[in-house]
Amino acid sequence: MFSRIVLAASAALMLTGGVAFAQDVIQTRKAGFEDYKKAMGEIKDAVGKGDLAAIGPVADRIDAFAAKIPGLFPPGSDKGKTAAKEVIWANFPDFTAKAQDTQTAAKALKVAAASGDKAATGTAFGAMADTCKACHQRYRSE
């Protein structure tokens, strides 16, 4: 009898711990995506002002976050207050590839901005924005 109680208590603790973990990772990724959105605004403003020197560090911030994206979607983190679609976990290799596309685009944006070419930087910024859209269209509920 005692072992059943201990087993039940352990299972309940693991389940609530799993829920807490899922909520923590959801909050972490939401904060990361909010900063990502802010960074996109900063880049848009910098491109508009012709302040290309300001773009490199912000592109690095996006690159670093994009590298973390797959790790922010562990199994079980599809429950709770999240806009993540279940298809993420069914197509995780594609989801990961989309995060890598964002990294590649962020690196290209940094190179374009460093070149001083405003038109090329604008084009690279558009390409990076397209990687966001590609992921959102398939993997995010609006």
N, C-alpha and C. Protein backbone atom coordinates (compact mmCIF):
# COMPACT_ATOMS: atom_id res chain seq x y z
N MET A 1 0.83 -1.19 0.00
CA MET A 1 0.00 0.00 0.00
C MET A 1 0.88 1.26 0.00
N PHE A 2 1.87 1.27 0.90
CA PHE A 2 2.75 2.44 0.99
C PHE A 2 3.47 2.69 -0.33
N SER A 3 3.91 1.62 -0.98
CA SER A 3 4.64 1.79 -2.25
C SER A 3 3.73 2.38 -3.33
N ARG A 4 2.43 2.04 -3.31
CA ARG A 4 1.49 2.62 -4.26
C ARG A 4 1.33 4.11 -4.02
N ILE A 5 1.28 4.50 -2.78
CA ILE A 5 1.15 5.92 -2.44
C ILE A 5 2.38 6.68 -2.89
N VAL A 6 3.54 6.12 -2.62
CA VAL A 6 4.80 6.76 -3.04
C VAL A 6 4.86 6.84 -4.56
N LEU A 7 4.46 5.77 -5.23
CA LEU A 7 4.46 5.76 -6.69
C LEU A 7 3.50 6.81 -7.25
N ALA A 8 2.31 6.88 -6.69
CA ALA A 8 1.33 7.87 -7.14
C ALA A 8 1.82 9.28 -6.88
N ALA A 9 2.40 9.50 -5.72
CA ALA A 9 2.92 10.84 -5.40
C ALA A 9 4.07 11.21 -6.34
N SER A 10 4.92 10.24 -6.62
CA SER A 10 6.05 10.49 -7.55
C SER A 10 5.54 10.83 -8.94
N ALA A 11 4.55 10.08 -9.39
CA ALA A 11 3.98 10.35 -10.72
C ALA A 11 3.34 11.73 -10.77
N ALA A 12 2.62 12.10 -9.74
CA ALA A 12 1.99 13.42 -9.70
C ALA A 12 3.05 14.51 -9.71
N LEU A 13 4.12 14.32 -8.96
CA LEU A 13 5.20 15.30 -8.92
C LEU A 13 5.86 15.44 -10.28
N MET A 14 6.08 14.31 -10.95
CA MET A 14 6.70 14.36 -12.28
C MET A 14 5.78 15.05 -13.27
N LEU A 15 4.49 14.79 -13.19
CA LEU A 15 3.55 15.42 -14.11
C LEU A 15 3.49 16.92 -13.89
N THR A 16 3.41 17.35 -12.66
CA THR A 16 3.35 18.79 -12.39
C THR A 16 4.69 19.44 -12.72
N GLY A 17 5.77 18.72 -12.50
CA GLY A 17 7.08 19.24 -12.88
C GLY A 17 7.19 19.40 -14.39
N GLY A 18 6.61 18.43 -15.12
CA GLY A 18 6.61 18.51 -16.58
C GLY A 18 5.80 19.68 -17.08
N VAL A 19 4.67 19.93 -16.43
CA VAL A 19 3.84 21.07 -16.80
C VAL A 19 4.59 22.37 -16.52
N ALA A 20 5.24 22.43 -15.35
CA ALA A 20 6.01 23.63 -15.01
C ALA A 20 7.13 23.84 -16.01
N PHE A 21 7.82 22.75 -16.38
CA PHE A 21 8.89 22.85 -17.37
C PHE A 21 8.35 23.37 -18.69
N ALA A 22 7.22 22.81 -19.14
CA ALA A 22 6.64 23.24 -20.41
C ALA A 22 6.29 24.72 -20.37
N GLN A 23 5.72 25.17 -19.27
CA GLN A 23 5.37 26.59 -19.15
C GLN A 23 6.62 27.47 -19.13
N ASP A 24 7.68 27.01 -18.44
CA ASP A 24 8.93 27.77 -18.41
C ASP A 24 9.52 27.93 -19.80
N VAL A 25 9.56 26.84 -20.56
CA VAL A 25 10.14 26.91 -21.90
C VAL A 25 9.26 27.75 -22.82
N ILE A 26 7.96 27.69 -22.63
CA ILE A 26 7.06 28.52 -23.43
C ILE A 26 7.32 30.00 -23.12
N GLN A 27 7.47 30.33 -21.86
CA GLN A 27 7.75 31.72 -21.49
C GLN A 27 9.11 32.17 -22.03
N THR A 28 10.09 31.29 -21.97
CA THR A 28 11.42 31.62 -22.48
C THR A 28 11.38 31.88 -23.98
N ARG A 29 10.68 31.02 -24.71
CA ARG A 29 10.64 31.24 -26.16
C ARG A 29 9.80 32.46 -26.51
N LYS A 30 8.73 32.72 -25.76
CA LYS A 30 7.95 33.93 -26.02
C LYS A 30 8.81 35.17 -25.82
N ALA A 31 9.59 35.20 -24.76
CA ALA A 31 10.48 36.34 -24.51
C ALA A 31 11.50 36.47 -25.63
N GLY A 32 12.03 35.35 -26.08
CA GLY A 32 13.00 35.37 -27.18
C GLY A 32 12.39 35.89 -28.46
N PHE A 33 11.17 35.46 -28.77
CA PHE A 33 10.52 35.93 -29.99
C PHE A 33 10.11 37.40 -29.88
N GLU A 34 9.80 37.86 -28.68
CA GLU A 34 9.51 39.30 -28.49
C GLU A 34 10.77 40.12 -28.76
N ASP A 35 11.92 39.64 -28.28
CA ASP A 35 13.17 40.35 -28.56
C ASP A 35 13.50 40.28 -30.05
N TYR A 36 13.21 39.15 -30.67
CA TYR A 36 13.41 38.99 -32.11
C TYR A 36 12.59 40.02 -32.87
N LYS A 37 11.32 40.16 -32.48
CA LYS A 37 10.43 41.15 -33.12
C LYS A 37 10.99 42.57 -32.93
N LYS A 38 11.46 42.85 -31.74
CA LYS A 38 12.07 44.15 -31.46
C LYS A 38 13.31 44.37 -32.34
N ALA A 39 14.11 43.33 -32.47
CA ALA A 39 15.32 43.42 -33.29
C ALA A 39 14.97 43.69 -34.75
N MET A 40 13.92 43.06 -35.24
CA MET A 40 13.50 43.31 -36.63
C MET A 40 13.11 44.77 -36.80
N GLY A 41 12.43 45.34 -35.81
CA GLY A 41 12.08 46.75 -35.86
C GLY A 41 13.31 47.64 -35.84
N GLU A 42 14.29 47.26 -35.02
CA GLU A 42 15.54 48.04 -34.96
C GLU A 42 16.25 48.03 -36.31
N ILE A 43 16.27 46.87 -36.94
CA ILE A 43 16.93 46.77 -38.26
C ILE A 43 16.16 47.58 -39.30
N LYS A 44 14.86 47.48 -39.28
CA LYS A 44 14.04 48.24 -40.23
C LYS A 44 14.31 49.73 -40.08
N ASP A 45 14.36 50.20 -38.84
CA ASP A 45 14.65 51.61 -38.58
C ASP A 45 16.05 51.99 -39.07
N ALA A 46 17.02 51.12 -38.80
CA ALA A 46 18.40 51.41 -39.20
C ALA A 46 18.53 51.46 -40.72
N VAL A 47 17.85 50.54 -41.41
CA VAL A 47 17.88 50.55 -42.88
C VAL A 47 17.25 51.84 -43.38
N GLY A 48 16.12 52.21 -42.80
CA GLY A 48 15.43 53.43 -43.22
C GLY A 48 16.27 54.68 -43.03
N LYS A 49 17.05 54.72 -41.95
CA LYS A 49 17.90 55.87 -41.65
C LYS A 49 19.24 55.80 -42.37
N GLY A 50 19.53 54.65 -42.97
CA GLY A 50 20.83 54.48 -43.60
C GLY A 50 21.94 54.22 -42.61
N ASP A 51 21.59 53.84 -41.37
CA ASP A 51 22.56 53.57 -40.31
C ASP A 51 22.95 52.09 -40.35
N LEU A 52 23.66 51.73 -41.40
CA LEU A 52 23.99 50.32 -41.62
C LEU A 52 24.94 49.77 -40.57
N ALA A 53 25.73 50.61 -39.94
CA ALA A 53 26.67 50.16 -38.90
C ALA A 53 25.92 49.60 -37.69
N ALA A 54 24.70 50.04 -37.46
CA ALA A 54 23.93 49.57 -36.31
C ALA A 54 23.35 48.17 -36.53
N ILE A 55 23.37 47.68 -37.74
CA ILE A 55 22.69 46.43 -38.07
C ILE A 55 23.46 45.19 -37.64
N GLY A 56 24.76 45.19 -37.75
CA GLY A 56 25.56 43.99 -37.45
C GLY A 56 25.28 43.38 -36.08
N PRO A 57 25.35 44.17 -35.01
CA PRO A 57 25.09 43.59 -33.69
C PRO A 57 23.66 43.06 -33.53
N VAL A 58 22.71 43.71 -34.17
CA VAL A 58 21.32 43.26 -34.07
C VAL A 58 21.14 41.97 -34.88
N ALA A 59 21.78 41.89 -36.03
CA ALA A 59 21.74 40.66 -36.83
C ALA A 59 22.39 39.51 -36.05
N ASP A 60 23.45 39.81 -35.32
CA ASP A 60 24.09 38.79 -34.48
C ASP A 60 23.12 38.29 -33.40
N ARG A 61 22.34 39.20 -32.85
CA ARG A 61 21.35 38.84 -31.82
C ARG A 61 20.31 37.88 -32.40
N ILE A 62 19.87 38.18 -33.62
CA ILE A 62 18.89 37.31 -34.28
C ILE A 62 19.52 35.95 -34.60
N ASP A 63 20.74 35.96 -35.10
CA ASP A 63 21.45 34.73 -35.42
C ASP A 63 21.56 33.85 -34.16
N ALA A 64 21.95 34.45 -33.05
CA ALA A 64 22.11 33.70 -31.80
C ALA A 64 20.78 33.12 -31.32
N PHE A 65 19.72 33.91 -31.43
CA PHE A 65 18.42 33.40 -31.00
C PHE A 65 17.95 32.29 -31.93
N ALA A 66 18.11 32.47 -33.23
CA ALA A 66 17.66 31.45 -34.19
C ALA A 66 18.35 30.11 -33.93
N ALA A 67 19.60 30.15 -33.47
CA ALA A 67 20.32 28.91 -33.14
C ALA A 67 19.65 28.19 -31.97
N LYS A 68 18.99 28.93 -31.11
CA LYS A 68 18.35 28.35 -29.92
C LYS A 68 16.93 27.86 -30.19
N ILE A 69 16.33 28.30 -31.28
CA ILE A 69 14.91 28.02 -31.51
C ILE A 69 14.56 26.53 -31.40
N PRO A 70 15.24 25.62 -32.08
CA PRO A 70 14.83 24.21 -31.95
C PRO A 70 14.83 23.71 -30.50
N GLY A 71 15.78 24.14 -29.72
CA GLY A 71 15.85 23.72 -28.32
C GLY A 71 14.75 24.30 -27.46
N LEU A 72 14.07 25.32 -27.95
CA LEU A 72 12.98 25.94 -27.21
C LEU A 72 11.63 25.27 -27.49
N PHE A 73 11.67 24.19 -28.27
CA PHE A 73 10.45 23.47 -28.61
C PHE A 73 10.61 21.99 -28.28
N PRO A 74 10.91 21.65 -27.02
CA PRO A 74 11.03 20.24 -26.68
C PRO A 74 9.66 19.56 -26.71
N PRO A 75 9.64 18.26 -26.87
CA PRO A 75 8.36 17.55 -26.82
C PRO A 75 7.62 17.89 -25.52
N GLY A 76 6.32 18.09 -25.64
CA GLY A 76 5.51 18.42 -24.48
C GLY A 76 5.30 19.91 -24.30
N SER A 77 6.02 20.73 -25.06
CA SER A 77 5.86 22.18 -24.90
C SER A 77 4.83 22.74 -25.88
N ASP A 78 3.97 21.86 -26.34
CA ASP A 78 2.88 22.30 -27.21
C ASP A 78 1.60 22.52 -26.41
N LYS A 79 1.65 22.31 -25.12
CA LYS A 79 0.49 22.47 -24.25
C LYS A 79 0.60 23.78 -23.49
N GLY A 80 -0.51 24.41 -23.28
CA GLY A 80 -0.49 25.67 -22.54
C GLY A 80 -0.73 26.82 -23.48
N LYS A 81 -0.41 28.00 -23.02
CA LYS A 81 -0.66 29.22 -23.79
C LYS A 81 0.49 29.43 -24.79
N THR A 82 0.29 28.88 -25.98
CA THR A 82 1.31 28.95 -27.02
C THR A 82 0.63 29.01 -28.38
N ALA A 83 1.28 29.67 -29.31
CA ALA A 83 0.77 29.74 -30.67
C ALA A 83 1.43 28.67 -31.55
N ALA A 84 2.27 27.84 -30.95
CA ALA A 84 2.96 26.80 -31.70
C ALA A 84 1.97 25.72 -32.14
N LYS A 85 2.02 25.40 -33.42
CA LYS A 85 1.17 24.34 -33.96
C LYS A 85 1.80 22.97 -33.68
N GLU A 86 0.97 21.97 -33.50
CA GLU A 86 1.45 20.61 -33.24
C GLU A 86 2.32 20.07 -34.38
N VAL A 87 2.14 20.60 -35.58
CA VAL A 87 2.89 20.12 -36.73
C VAL A 87 4.40 20.35 -36.57
N ILE A 88 4.78 21.24 -35.67
CA ILE A 88 6.22 21.46 -35.41
C ILE A 88 6.89 20.14 -35.08
N TRP A 89 6.29 19.40 -34.15
CA TRP A 89 6.91 18.18 -33.66
C TRP A 89 6.80 17.04 -34.66
N ALA A 90 5.80 17.09 -35.53
CA ALA A 90 5.66 16.08 -36.59
C ALA A 90 6.67 16.31 -37.71
N ASN A 91 7.08 17.57 -37.90
CA ASN A 91 8.03 17.95 -38.95
C ASN A 91 9.24 18.65 -38.36
N PHE A 92 9.77 18.13 -37.27
CA PHE A 92 10.84 18.83 -36.58
C PHE A 92 12.08 19.08 -37.43
N PRO A 93 12.48 18.16 -38.32
CA PRO A 93 13.64 18.47 -39.18
C PRO A 93 13.40 19.70 -40.06
N ASP A 94 12.19 19.84 -40.61
CA ASP A 94 11.88 21.01 -41.42
C ASP A 94 11.85 22.27 -40.56
N PHE A 95 11.26 22.16 -39.37
CA PHE A 95 11.21 23.28 -38.44
C PHE A 95 12.63 23.75 -38.10
N THR A 96 13.50 22.80 -37.82
CA THR A 96 14.90 23.11 -37.52
C THR A 96 15.58 23.76 -38.73
N ALA A 97 15.30 23.27 -39.91
CA ALA A 97 15.87 23.85 -41.14
C ALA A 97 15.42 25.29 -41.32
N LYS A 98 14.19 25.58 -40.96
CA LYS A 98 13.70 26.96 -41.08
C LYS A 98 14.43 27.88 -40.10
N ALA A 99 14.73 27.39 -38.91
CA ALA A 99 15.51 28.19 -37.96
C ALA A 99 16.92 28.42 -38.52
N GLN A 100 17.49 27.40 -39.15
CA GLN A 100 18.81 27.55 -39.76
C GLN A 100 18.78 28.52 -40.93
N ASP A 101 17.68 28.55 -41.67
CA ASP A 101 17.52 29.52 -42.75
C ASP A 101 17.57 30.94 -42.19
N THR A 102 16.96 31.14 -41.04
CA THR A 102 16.99 32.46 -40.40
C THR A 102 18.42 32.82 -40.00
N GLN A 103 19.15 31.85 -39.47
CA GLN A 103 20.55 32.11 -39.13
C GLN A 103 21.35 32.51 -40.36
N THR A 104 21.17 31.77 -41.43
CA THR A 104 21.88 32.06 -42.68
C THR A 104 21.53 33.47 -43.18
N ALA A 105 20.25 33.80 -43.12
CA ALA A 105 19.80 35.12 -43.57
C ALA A 105 20.34 36.23 -42.68
N ALA A 106 20.43 35.99 -41.38
CA ALA A 106 20.97 37.00 -40.46
C ALA A 106 22.45 37.25 -40.76
N LYS A 107 23.17 36.18 -41.04
CA LYS A 107 24.60 36.33 -41.38
C LYS A 107 24.76 37.11 -42.69
N ALA A 108 23.90 36.80 -43.67
CA ALA A 108 23.96 37.51 -44.96
C ALA A 108 23.61 38.98 -44.78
N LEU A 109 22.66 39.25 -43.91
CA LEU A 109 22.29 40.65 -43.63
C LEU A 109 23.47 41.40 -43.02
N LYS A 110 24.16 40.76 -42.10
CA LYS A 110 25.32 41.40 -41.46
C LYS A 110 26.39 41.73 -42.51
N VAL A 111 26.63 40.80 -43.41
CA VAL A 111 27.63 41.02 -44.47
C VAL A 111 27.18 42.17 -45.38
N ALA A 112 25.92 42.17 -45.75
CA ALA A 112 25.41 43.23 -46.63
C ALA A 112 25.53 44.59 -45.95
N ALA A 113 25.17 44.65 -44.68
CA ALA A 113 25.25 45.93 -43.96
C ALA A 113 26.70 46.40 -43.84
N ALA A 114 27.61 45.46 -43.59
CA ALA A 114 29.02 45.82 -43.48
C ALA A 114 29.60 46.33 -44.79
N SER A 115 28.98 45.94 -45.90
CA SER A 115 29.46 46.39 -47.22
C SER A 115 29.14 47.87 -47.45
N GLY A 116 28.17 48.39 -46.69
CA GLY A 116 27.77 49.78 -46.88
C GLY A 116 26.76 50.00 -47.99
N ASP A 117 26.35 48.94 -48.63
CA ASP A 117 25.40 49.03 -49.74
C ASP A 117 23.97 48.98 -49.18
N LYS A 118 23.30 50.13 -49.19
CA LYS A 118 21.96 50.22 -48.60
C LYS A 118 20.95 49.34 -49.35
N ALA A 119 21.03 49.31 -50.68
CA ALA A 119 20.10 48.50 -51.46
C ALA A 119 20.29 47.02 -51.15
N ALA A 120 21.53 46.55 -51.10
CA ALA A 120 21.80 45.15 -50.79
C ALA A 120 21.36 44.81 -49.37
N THR A 121 21.53 45.76 -48.46
CA THR A 121 21.11 45.54 -47.08
C THR A 121 19.60 45.43 -47.00
N GLY A 122 18.90 46.28 -47.72
CA GLY A 122 17.43 46.21 -47.76
C GLY A 122 16.95 44.89 -48.32
N THR A 123 17.62 44.42 -49.36
CA THR A 123 17.27 43.14 -49.97
C THR A 123 17.53 41.99 -48.98
N ALA A 124 18.65 42.05 -48.30
CA ALA A 124 19.00 41.01 -47.32
C ALA A 124 18.02 41.03 -46.14
N PHE A 125 17.59 42.22 -45.75
CA PHE A 125 16.61 42.34 -44.67
C PHE A 125 15.28 41.71 -45.11
N GLY A 126 14.88 41.97 -46.35
CA GLY A 126 13.66 41.36 -46.88
C GLY A 126 13.75 39.84 -46.91
N ALA A 127 14.91 39.33 -47.29
CA ALA A 127 15.11 37.88 -47.33
C ALA A 127 15.02 37.29 -45.92
N MET A 128 15.55 38.01 -44.93
CA MET A 128 15.46 37.51 -43.56
C MET A 128 14.01 37.53 -43.09
N ALA A 129 13.28 38.59 -43.41
CA ALA A 129 11.86 38.66 -43.06
C ALA A 129 11.09 37.51 -43.71
N ASP A 130 11.47 37.13 -44.91
CA ASP A 130 10.81 36.01 -45.58
C ASP A 130 11.01 34.70 -44.83
N THR A 131 12.16 34.54 -44.16
CA THR A 131 12.36 33.31 -43.38
C THR A 131 11.40 33.28 -42.19
N CYS A 132 11.11 34.44 -41.63
CA CYS A 132 10.13 34.51 -40.53
C CYS A 132 8.76 34.07 -41.04
N LYS A 133 8.37 34.65 -42.16
CA LYS A 133 7.05 34.35 -42.74
C LYS A 133 6.92 32.87 -43.08
N ALA A 134 7.97 32.29 -43.64
CA ALA A 134 7.92 30.88 -44.03
C ALA A 134 7.67 29.98 -42.82
N CYS A 135 8.27 30.31 -41.73
CA CYS A 135 8.07 29.51 -40.52
C CYS A 135 6.68 29.76 -39.93
N HIS A 136 6.30 31.02 -39.84
CA HIS A 136 5.00 31.36 -39.25
C HIS A 136 3.85 30.75 -40.04
N GLN A 137 3.93 30.77 -41.35
CA GLN A 137 2.85 30.24 -42.17
C GLN A 137 2.57 28.78 -41.85
N ARG A 138 3.58 28.04 -41.58
CA ARG A 138 3.40 26.60 -41.36
C ARG A 138 3.29 26.22 -39.89
N TYR A 139 4.01 26.94 -39.03
CA TYR A 139 4.19 26.45 -37.66
C TYR A 139 3.60 27.32 -36.56
N ARG A 140 2.97 28.43 -36.89
CA ARG A 140 2.44 29.31 -35.85
C ARG A 140 0.97 29.62 -36.11
N SER A 141 0.18 29.49 -35.06
CA SER A 141 -1.23 29.90 -35.11
C SER A 141 -1.26 31.38 -34.87
N GLU A 142 -2.01 32.08 -35.65
CA GLU A 142 -2.08 33.54 -35.47
C GLU A 142 -3.15 33.93 -34.50
